[in-house]
Amino acid sequence: MGISGDNLEIIKDVTPFKFNAGASGTVANDDPAKQSNIEGNGKSNVVELQAMDRVDMSQLGTKSKVRVALTQTVNAYPHMPSKKSELHQLMGKMHEIRQANVTHNIGLITEAKSAGADVVCLGEVFTGPYFGMTKDAMWFDMAEDAQSGPTVLAIKETSAKHGMVIIAPIYEYDAEQDQRFNTAVVFDNGKILGKFRKMHIPIGSNEQGEFVEPFYYDRGDGNQNQNNPHVVSTNPYFPVFKTSAGKIGIGICYDRHFEGVAREFSEGGAEMVFCPSITFGKKSNKAWHTEFLVDAARHNLYIAGSNRKGHEAPWNQPFFGESYVTGPDYNVLDNLSTNPELVIADLDLERVRSGMDPSGWKLQAHARDDVFENRSKYRHPQEVPAQKDRAAG
């Protein structure tokens, strides 16, 4: 497995990161000089963690040629039970599951860096299996702090080491709000720029299985992006982050189905939107090949969608993968990777920044917003169980 292209080095040895069992945890590699011990108060003995790190904004977003990478993998923990009735065997092992997946994904990040990637987007809740098909409060222990949790510290160190942008979707626990979220944390050269919380939380079933995500995740509230200097958009629910690689928006999985999401990112100044997903089913598979292309063409964006690929015990649900990147000209960009767990593509952001569309379309300029009625009357509020009721599920 490797990456196609010139002068690319495949990294064979990846230093594994080690965690303790807690969300405050200890993150370390084999070099003691690089160890960061995180205490329960969320402070490091090396550097105090802040809600976000300051970055020189004048140095960001000047590149026009950007190489992006997506992961499409599955749970890397090797000791999953073969039957759903045996899942209780995993109690107390969330840190081991997290460690296995973070180590595996850091290996993919390292390989993407060797291929010249500027941005890597990891998969939705990449730290474990997709547990959203059954209700089990055991998985609450997988949630961690989005600034000082063990995954965040490991990816922060990796981002600094490689000098790149990393989008890391985790299972977040916000102790102040006593809520859990499906959250993507954005890193740039070792700095935390902020986070996006999944807005739309699905509950339902298809011909392949059910999904009960409201048991695990609260809906994104936008509160985390108030007064964030790294966010250039005005809508706090759909933040656009100014990074060293360009202006980035993030939608997570189910968010992609909703008609206003891509438009919000476009009007907020996004040049590329990443959509880490865990998706399956016939309708989802068909829509996967059209939704991103249409939204990218309509809103003059690059959109990169990543999906899991393979099966995960004990649910054995097949995830179809088929991750890809599309641009404003309604085309799927060439995949430069020969590793089936990576998709790598080159973006020309000048195509977006220039505002010139060779098709002659000027959809934003010609849009007739005055002719559309308020559509909230046919939207039904989603039934989301209260946090206090979830443990009984």
Protein backbone atom coordinates (compact mmCIF):
# COMPACT_ATOMS: atom_id res chain seq x y z
CA MET A 1 0.00 0.00 0.00
CA GLY A 2 1.27 3.50 -0.74
CA ILE A 3 0.74 6.79 -2.49
CA SER A 4 1.31 7.60 -6.12
CA GLY A 5 3.28 10.70 -7.04
CA ASP A 6 6.82 12.03 -7.21
CA ASN A 7 9.41 11.78 -4.45
CA LEU A 8 7.06 10.21 -1.93
CA GLU A 9 8.36 8.34 1.08
CA ILE A 10 6.21 5.70 2.74
CA ILE A 11 6.59 5.78 6.49
CA LYS A 12 6.89 2.25 7.84
CA ASP A 13 7.38 2.88 11.55
CA VAL A 14 4.84 4.85 13.55
CA THR A 15 5.40 5.54 17.22
CA PRO A 16 2.29 4.41 19.12
CA PHE A 17 0.68 6.81 21.57
CA LYS A 18 -0.23 5.61 25.05
CA PHE A 19 -3.27 6.68 27.06
CA ASN A 20 -4.51 6.19 30.56
CA ALA A 21 -8.11 5.19 31.17
CA GLY A 22 -9.47 8.64 31.93
CA ALA A 23 -10.64 11.36 29.59
CA SER A 24 -8.14 13.72 31.18
CA GLY A 25 -5.56 11.00 30.59
CA THR A 26 -1.89 10.75 29.86
CA VAL A 27 -0.62 10.99 26.34
CA ALA A 28 2.92 9.98 25.57
CA ASN A 29 5.20 8.41 23.05
CA ASP A 30 8.42 6.57 23.62
CA ASP A 31 10.44 9.78 23.83
CA PRO A 32 10.18 11.03 27.44
CA ALA A 33 11.08 14.53 26.32
CA LYS A 34 7.82 14.71 24.38
CA GLN A 35 5.54 13.32 27.08
CA SER A 36 2.62 15.46 28.20
CA ASN A 37 0.99 14.51 31.52
CA ILE A 38 -2.51 15.89 31.81
CA GLU A 39 -3.99 16.28 35.27
CA GLY A 40 -7.64 16.22 36.18
CA ASN A 41 -7.85 20.02 36.01
CA GLY A 42 -7.12 19.87 32.28
CA LYS A 43 -3.65 21.44 32.59
CA SER A 44 -0.40 20.08 31.19
CA ASN A 45 2.93 20.18 32.99
CA VAL A 46 4.34 21.53 29.71
CA VAL A 47 1.75 24.04 28.59
CA GLU A 48 -1.63 25.17 29.85
CA LEU A 49 -4.38 24.22 27.46
CA GLN A 50 -6.78 26.94 26.42
CA ALA A 51 -10.20 26.73 24.79
CA MET A 52 -8.44 27.60 21.56
CA ASP A 53 -4.90 28.46 20.58
CA ARG A 54 -3.87 31.77 19.06
CA VAL A 55 -2.52 31.64 15.53
CA ASP A 56 -1.10 34.47 13.42
CA MET A 57 -4.12 34.98 11.17
CA SER A 58 -2.12 37.01 8.62
CA GLN A 59 -0.19 33.87 7.70
CA LEU A 60 -3.22 31.70 7.07
CA GLY A 61 -5.09 30.74 3.93
CA THR A 62 -2.65 32.07 1.33
CA LYS A 63 -2.03 28.80 -0.54
CA SER A 64 -3.87 28.19 -3.80
CA LYS A 65 -2.77 24.59 -4.42
CA VAL A 66 -3.81 22.31 -1.57
CA ARG A 67 -3.50 18.55 -1.21
CA VAL A 68 -6.11 16.94 1.03
CA ALA A 69 -6.41 13.42 2.43
CA LEU A 70 -9.37 11.45 3.77
CA THR A 71 -9.25 8.27 5.79
CA GLN A 72 -11.66 5.40 5.10
CA THR A 73 -11.04 2.68 7.61
CA VAL A 74 -12.83 0.80 10.39
CA ASN A 75 -12.35 0.09 14.07
CA ALA A 76 -8.76 -1.01 14.65
CA TYR A 77 -9.24 -2.55 18.10
CA PRO A 78 -8.40 -6.24 17.59
CA HIS A 79 -10.28 -7.78 20.53
CA MET A 80 -13.92 -7.04 19.73
CA PRO A 81 -16.39 -9.79 20.76
CA SER A 82 -18.04 -11.78 18.00
CA LYS A 83 -21.57 -11.45 19.43
CA LYS A 84 -23.56 -8.40 20.48
CA SER A 85 -24.55 -10.24 23.64
CA GLU A 86 -20.87 -10.22 24.62
CA LEU A 87 -20.30 -6.47 24.29
CA HIS A 88 -20.27 -6.19 28.08
CA GLN A 89 -16.78 -7.69 27.91
CA LEU A 90 -15.57 -4.27 26.75
CA MET A 91 -16.55 -2.48 29.95
CA GLY A 92 -13.53 -0.67 31.33
CA LYS A 93 -11.63 -0.99 28.06
CA MET A 94 -12.61 2.25 26.34
CA HIS A 95 -9.08 3.62 26.73
CA GLU A 96 -7.64 0.54 24.99
CA ILE A 97 -10.10 0.87 22.12
CA ARG A 98 -9.30 4.56 21.80
CA GLN A 99 -5.55 3.94 21.86
CA ALA A 100 -5.71 1.30 19.12
CA ASN A 101 -7.68 3.57 16.82
CA VAL A 102 -5.66 6.71 17.46
CA THR A 103 -2.40 4.84 16.84
CA HIS A 104 -3.78 3.37 13.60
CA ASN A 105 -5.01 6.74 12.36
CA ILE A 106 -1.78 8.52 13.26
CA GLY A 107 -0.11 6.00 10.97
CA LEU A 108 -2.46 7.06 8.17
CA ILE A 109 -1.80 10.73 8.92
CA THR A 110 1.93 10.09 8.70
CA GLU A 111 1.53 8.33 5.36
CA ALA A 112 -0.62 11.18 4.05
CA LYS A 113 2.03 13.67 5.16
CA SER A 114 4.69 11.70 3.30
CA ALA A 115 2.50 12.11 0.22
CA GLY A 116 2.48 15.89 0.65
CA ALA A 117 -0.96 16.32 2.20
CA ASP A 118 -1.70 19.72 3.73
CA VAL A 119 -4.98 18.63 5.31
CA VAL A 120 -6.12 15.28 6.70
CA CYS A 121 -9.72 14.59 7.66
CA LEU A 122 -10.19 11.55 9.88
CA GLY A 123 -13.41 9.54 9.98
CA GLU A 124 -16.50 10.27 12.05
CA VAL A 125 -15.87 9.35 15.72
CA PHE A 126 -12.70 7.63 14.56
CA THR A 127 -11.69 6.59 18.09
CA GLY A 128 -13.91 3.50 18.20
CA PRO A 129 -16.41 1.29 16.41
CA TYR A 130 -19.75 2.66 15.28
CA PHE A 131 -21.74 1.94 18.43
CA GLY A 132 -24.78 3.95 17.33
CA MET A 133 -26.76 0.87 16.23
CA THR A 134 -27.51 -0.25 19.80
CA LYS A 135 -28.14 1.54 23.09
CA ASP A 136 -25.51 0.87 25.71
CA ALA A 137 -24.41 3.43 28.31
CA MET A 138 -21.02 1.69 28.42
CA TRP A 139 -19.98 3.76 25.40
CA PHE A 140 -20.43 7.02 27.32
CA ASP A 141 -16.95 6.35 28.72
CA MET A 142 -15.57 6.80 25.21
CA ALA A 143 -16.45 10.51 25.38
CA GLU A 144 -13.65 12.94 26.24
CA ASP A 145 -12.90 16.61 26.65
CA ALA A 146 -12.43 18.41 23.33
CA GLN A 147 -9.42 20.39 24.57
CA SER A 148 -7.62 18.16 27.06
CA GLY A 149 -8.80 14.64 26.23
CA PRO A 150 -6.21 12.01 25.29
CA THR A 151 -7.18 11.89 21.62
CA VAL A 152 -7.04 15.67 21.31
CA LEU A 153 -3.56 15.81 22.84
CA ALA A 154 -2.25 13.04 20.61
CA ILE A 155 -3.60 14.64 17.43
CA LYS A 156 -2.42 18.06 18.55
CA GLU A 157 1.11 16.71 18.88
CA THR A 158 0.83 14.97 15.50
CA SER A 159 -0.39 18.19 13.86
CA ALA A 160 2.59 20.06 15.30
CA LYS A 161 5.05 17.35 14.28
CA HIS A 162 3.89 17.32 10.66
CA GLY A 163 2.98 21.01 10.35
CA MET A 164 -0.45 20.32 8.91
CA VAL A 165 -4.18 20.79 9.35
CA ILE A 166 -6.01 17.82 10.88
CA ILE A 167 -9.76 17.44 11.33
CA ALA A 168 -10.36 14.92 14.11
CA PRO A 169 -13.96 13.86 14.83
CA ILE A 170 -14.29 12.59 18.40
CA TYR A 171 -16.96 11.67 20.93
CA GLU A 172 -16.98 14.80 23.10
CA TYR A 173 -18.04 15.17 26.71
CA ASP A 174 -18.66 18.77 27.79
CA ALA A 175 -18.49 18.65 31.59
CA GLU A 176 -19.71 22.22 32.00
CA GLN A 177 -22.90 21.52 30.05
CA ASP A 178 -23.04 17.84 31.11
CA GLN A 179 -23.68 16.91 27.47
CA ARG A 180 -22.09 14.68 24.87
CA PHE A 181 -21.57 15.64 21.25
CA ASN A 182 -20.37 14.21 17.96
CA THR A 183 -17.60 16.75 17.46
CA ALA A 184 -14.87 17.53 14.95
CA VAL A 185 -11.85 19.33 16.41
CA VAL A 186 -9.73 21.41 14.01
CA PHE A 187 -5.95 21.52 14.45
CA ASP A 188 -3.44 23.63 12.55
CA ASN A 189 0.30 23.19 13.07
CA GLY A 190 -0.27 21.99 16.63
CA LYS A 191 -2.86 24.63 17.51
CA ILE A 192 -6.53 24.01 18.26
CA LEU A 193 -8.58 26.38 16.12
CA GLY A 194 -11.99 25.29 17.37
CA LYS A 195 -14.62 22.63 16.86
CA PHE A 196 -17.82 21.79 15.02
CA ARG A 197 -20.61 19.83 16.68
CA LYS A 198 -22.85 17.67 14.52
CA MET A 199 -26.12 19.54 13.99
CA HIS A 200 -28.53 16.83 12.87
CA ILE A 201 -28.75 13.60 14.88
CA PRO A 202 -30.47 10.68 13.12
CA ILE A 203 -32.75 8.07 14.62
CA GLY A 204 -34.38 5.44 12.41
CA SER A 205 -33.66 2.31 10.43
CA ASN A 206 -33.09 1.07 6.90
CA GLU A 207 -32.92 -2.34 5.25
CA GLN A 208 -29.52 -2.97 6.82
CA GLY A 209 -30.05 -1.87 10.41
CA GLU A 210 -31.10 0.87 12.80
CA PHE A 211 -29.36 3.91 14.21
CA VAL A 212 -30.11 5.41 17.62
CA GLU A 213 -27.67 8.31 17.77
CA PRO A 214 -29.80 10.60 19.99
CA PHE A 215 -29.08 8.15 22.81
CA TYR A 216 -25.41 9.16 22.56
CA TYR A 217 -25.25 12.65 21.07
CA ASP A 218 -26.85 16.00 21.77
CA ARG A 219 -27.45 18.35 18.88
CA GLY A 220 -24.85 21.01 18.22
CA ASP A 221 -25.69 24.34 19.84
CA GLY A 222 -23.15 26.71 18.28
CA ASN A 223 -22.08 28.01 21.68
CA GLN A 224 -18.52 26.80 21.24
CA ASN A 225 -17.75 29.28 18.45
CA GLN A 226 -18.78 32.58 20.02
CA ASN A 227 -15.93 35.10 19.71
CA ASN A 228 -13.58 32.55 18.16
CA PRO A 229 -10.87 34.55 16.31
CA HIS A 230 -10.24 31.63 13.93
CA VAL A 231 -13.84 31.57 12.65
CA VAL A 232 -14.53 33.89 9.72
CA SER A 233 -18.25 33.15 9.31
CA THR A 234 -21.10 34.76 11.26
CA ASN A 235 -23.32 31.70 11.75
CA PRO A 236 -22.02 29.96 14.90
CA TYR A 237 -23.78 26.72 14.00
CA PHE A 238 -21.77 26.31 10.80
CA PRO A 239 -18.33 27.79 11.53
CA VAL A 240 -15.81 28.37 8.77
CA PHE A 241 -12.24 28.09 10.07
CA LYS A 242 -9.40 30.09 8.56
CA THR A 243 -6.46 27.68 8.40
CA SER A 244 -3.01 27.62 6.84
CA ALA A 245 -4.50 25.58 3.99
CA GLY A 246 -7.56 27.73 3.35
CA LYS A 247 -11.05 28.32 4.71
CA ILE A 248 -12.65 25.11 5.92
CA GLY A 249 -16.18 24.12 6.87
CA ILE A 250 -17.23 20.80 8.39
CA GLY A 251 -20.50 18.90 8.27
CA ILE A 252 -20.74 15.50 9.92
CA CYS A 253 -22.53 12.62 8.18
CA TYR A 254 -26.30 13.24 8.44
CA ASP A 255 -25.74 17.00 8.13
CA ARG A 256 -25.02 16.53 4.42
CA HIS A 257 -28.63 15.64 3.63
CA PHE A 258 -30.05 19.03 4.64
CA GLU A 259 -30.51 21.60 1.93
CA GLY A 260 -29.19 24.68 3.70
CA VAL A 261 -25.91 23.32 5.05
CA ALA A 262 -23.68 23.76 1.99
CA ARG A 263 -25.16 27.19 1.36
CA GLU A 264 -24.36 28.31 4.90
CA PHE A 265 -20.75 27.26 4.47
CA SER A 266 -20.48 28.93 1.07
CA GLU A 267 -21.95 32.20 2.28
CA GLY A 268 -19.70 31.98 5.32
CA GLY A 269 -16.64 32.02 3.07
CA ALA A 270 -15.71 28.33 2.98
CA GLU A 271 -13.50 27.16 0.13
CA MET A 272 -13.63 23.49 1.07
CA VAL A 273 -16.04 21.48 3.20
CA PHE A 274 -15.21 18.15 4.81
CA CYS A 275 -17.88 15.62 5.67
CA PRO A 276 -16.63 12.71 7.82
CA SER A 277 -19.36 10.06 7.80
CA ILE A 278 -20.43 6.61 8.91
CA THR A 279 -23.10 5.65 6.43
CA PHE A 280 -24.74 2.53 5.04
CA GLY A 281 -27.88 1.43 3.19
CA LYS A 282 -29.10 1.50 -0.41
CA LYS A 283 -30.54 5.03 -0.45
CA SER A 284 -27.54 6.44 1.35
CA ASN A 285 -25.19 4.76 -1.13
CA LYS A 286 -27.03 6.24 -4.10
CA ALA A 287 -27.23 9.70 -2.55
CA TRP A 288 -23.54 9.55 -1.63
CA HIS A 289 -22.61 9.77 -5.31
CA THR A 290 -24.76 12.82 -6.04
CA GLU A 291 -25.21 15.05 -2.99
CA PHE A 292 -21.64 16.32 -2.77
CA LEU A 293 -21.35 16.90 -6.52
CA VAL A 294 -24.55 18.94 -6.65
CA ASP A 295 -23.72 21.02 -3.59
CA ALA A 296 -20.16 21.70 -4.76
CA ALA A 297 -21.39 22.85 -8.18
CA ARG A 298 -24.22 24.97 -6.78
CA HIS A 299 -22.16 26.70 -4.13
CA ASN A 300 -18.71 26.93 -5.77
CA LEU A 301 -16.97 24.70 -3.22
CA TYR A 302 -14.73 21.71 -2.89
CA ILE A 303 -16.41 19.00 -0.83
CA ALA A 304 -14.61 15.97 0.58
CA GLY A 305 -16.66 13.08 1.95
CA SER A 306 -15.11 10.22 3.92
CA ASN A 307 -16.92 7.04 4.91
CA ARG A 308 -15.92 3.90 6.76
CA LYS A 309 -15.09 0.90 4.62
CA GLY A 310 -15.48 -2.68 5.77
CA HIS A 311 -17.18 -4.49 8.66
CA GLU A 312 -16.99 -4.11 12.43
CA ALA A 313 -17.70 -6.92 14.88
CA PRO A 314 -20.06 -7.72 16.48
CA TRP A 315 -22.60 -5.75 14.43
CA ASN A 316 -20.96 -6.74 11.12
CA GLN A 317 -22.69 -3.88 9.37
CA PRO A 318 -21.09 -3.33 5.93
CA PHE A 319 -19.85 0.23 5.37
CA PHE A 320 -19.42 0.91 1.68
CA GLY A 321 -16.56 3.42 1.82
CA GLU A 322 -16.32 5.13 -1.60
CA SER A 323 -14.83 8.31 -0.14
CA TYR A 324 -14.09 11.04 -2.69
CA VAL A 325 -13.46 14.72 -3.31
CA THR A 326 -15.45 16.85 -5.74
CA GLY A 327 -15.14 20.42 -6.97
CA PRO A 328 -17.22 23.27 -8.33
CA ASP A 329 -17.09 21.89 -11.89
CA TYR A 330 -19.19 18.81 -11.02
CA ASN A 331 -16.28 16.42 -11.23
CA VAL A 332 -14.76 13.79 -8.97
CA LEU A 333 -11.09 14.58 -8.43
CA ASP A 334 -8.44 11.96 -9.13
CA ASN A 335 -7.49 9.83 -6.14
CA LEU A 336 -3.69 9.89 -5.85
CA SER A 337 -3.56 7.15 -3.23
CA THR A 338 -2.97 3.45 -3.75
CA ASN A 339 -3.70 2.74 -0.09
CA PRO A 340 -7.38 1.69 0.21
CA GLU A 341 -7.55 3.39 3.61
CA LEU A 342 -6.63 6.79 2.17
CA VAL A 343 -8.08 9.08 -0.49
CA ILE A 344 -5.81 11.93 -1.58
CA ALA A 345 -6.66 14.72 -4.03
CA ASP A 346 -5.29 18.06 -5.21
CA LEU A 347 -7.44 21.20 -4.98
CA ASP A 348 -6.97 24.47 -6.84
CA LEU A 349 -8.50 27.03 -4.49
CA GLU A 350 -7.98 29.81 -7.02
CA ARG A 351 -10.86 28.25 -8.94
CA VAL A 352 -13.09 29.01 -5.94
CA ARG A 353 -11.55 32.32 -4.93
CA SER A 354 -11.78 33.87 -8.37
CA GLY A 355 -15.55 33.53 -8.43
CA MET A 356 -15.32 32.74 -12.13
CA ASP A 357 -17.47 29.83 -13.27
CA PRO A 358 -16.81 28.71 -16.86
CA SER A 359 -20.38 27.40 -17.02
CA GLY A 360 -21.72 30.94 -16.78
CA TRP A 361 -23.69 30.10 -13.65
CA LYS A 362 -24.05 32.94 -11.14
CA LEU A 363 -26.40 31.23 -8.73
CA GLN A 364 -25.68 33.37 -5.69
CA ALA A 365 -26.11 36.59 -7.65
CA HIS A 366 -29.27 35.43 -9.40
CA ALA A 367 -30.98 33.71 -6.45
CA ARG A 368 -34.57 34.86 -5.74
CA ASP A 369 -34.77 34.48 -1.99
CA ASP A 370 -37.83 36.72 -1.98
CA VAL A 371 -40.00 34.06 -3.66
CA PHE A 372 -39.46 31.27 -1.12
CA GLU A 373 -41.81 31.01 1.84
CA ASN A 374 -40.71 30.16 5.34
CA ARG A 375 -40.40 26.40 5.20
CA SER A 376 -40.41 25.75 8.94
CA LYS A 377 -44.12 24.91 8.82
CA TYR A 378 -43.42 21.48 7.34
CA ARG A 379 -40.44 20.66 9.48
CA HIS A 380 -41.15 18.40 12.43
CA PRO A 381 -39.15 18.74 15.65
CA GLN A 382 -36.95 15.75 16.27
CA GLU A 383 -37.66 13.69 19.35
CA VAL A 384 -34.38 13.59 21.23
CA PRO A 385 -34.30 11.85 24.62
CA ALA A 386 -33.18 14.01 27.49
CA GLN A 387 -29.65 13.43 28.75
CA LYS A 388 -30.87 12.24 32.15
CA ASP A 389 -33.01 9.54 30.55
CA ARG A 390 -30.33 7.98 28.38
CA ALA A 391 -28.66 5.69 30.88
CA ALA A 392 -31.95 3.82 31.24
CA GLY A 393 -32.03 3.07 27.51
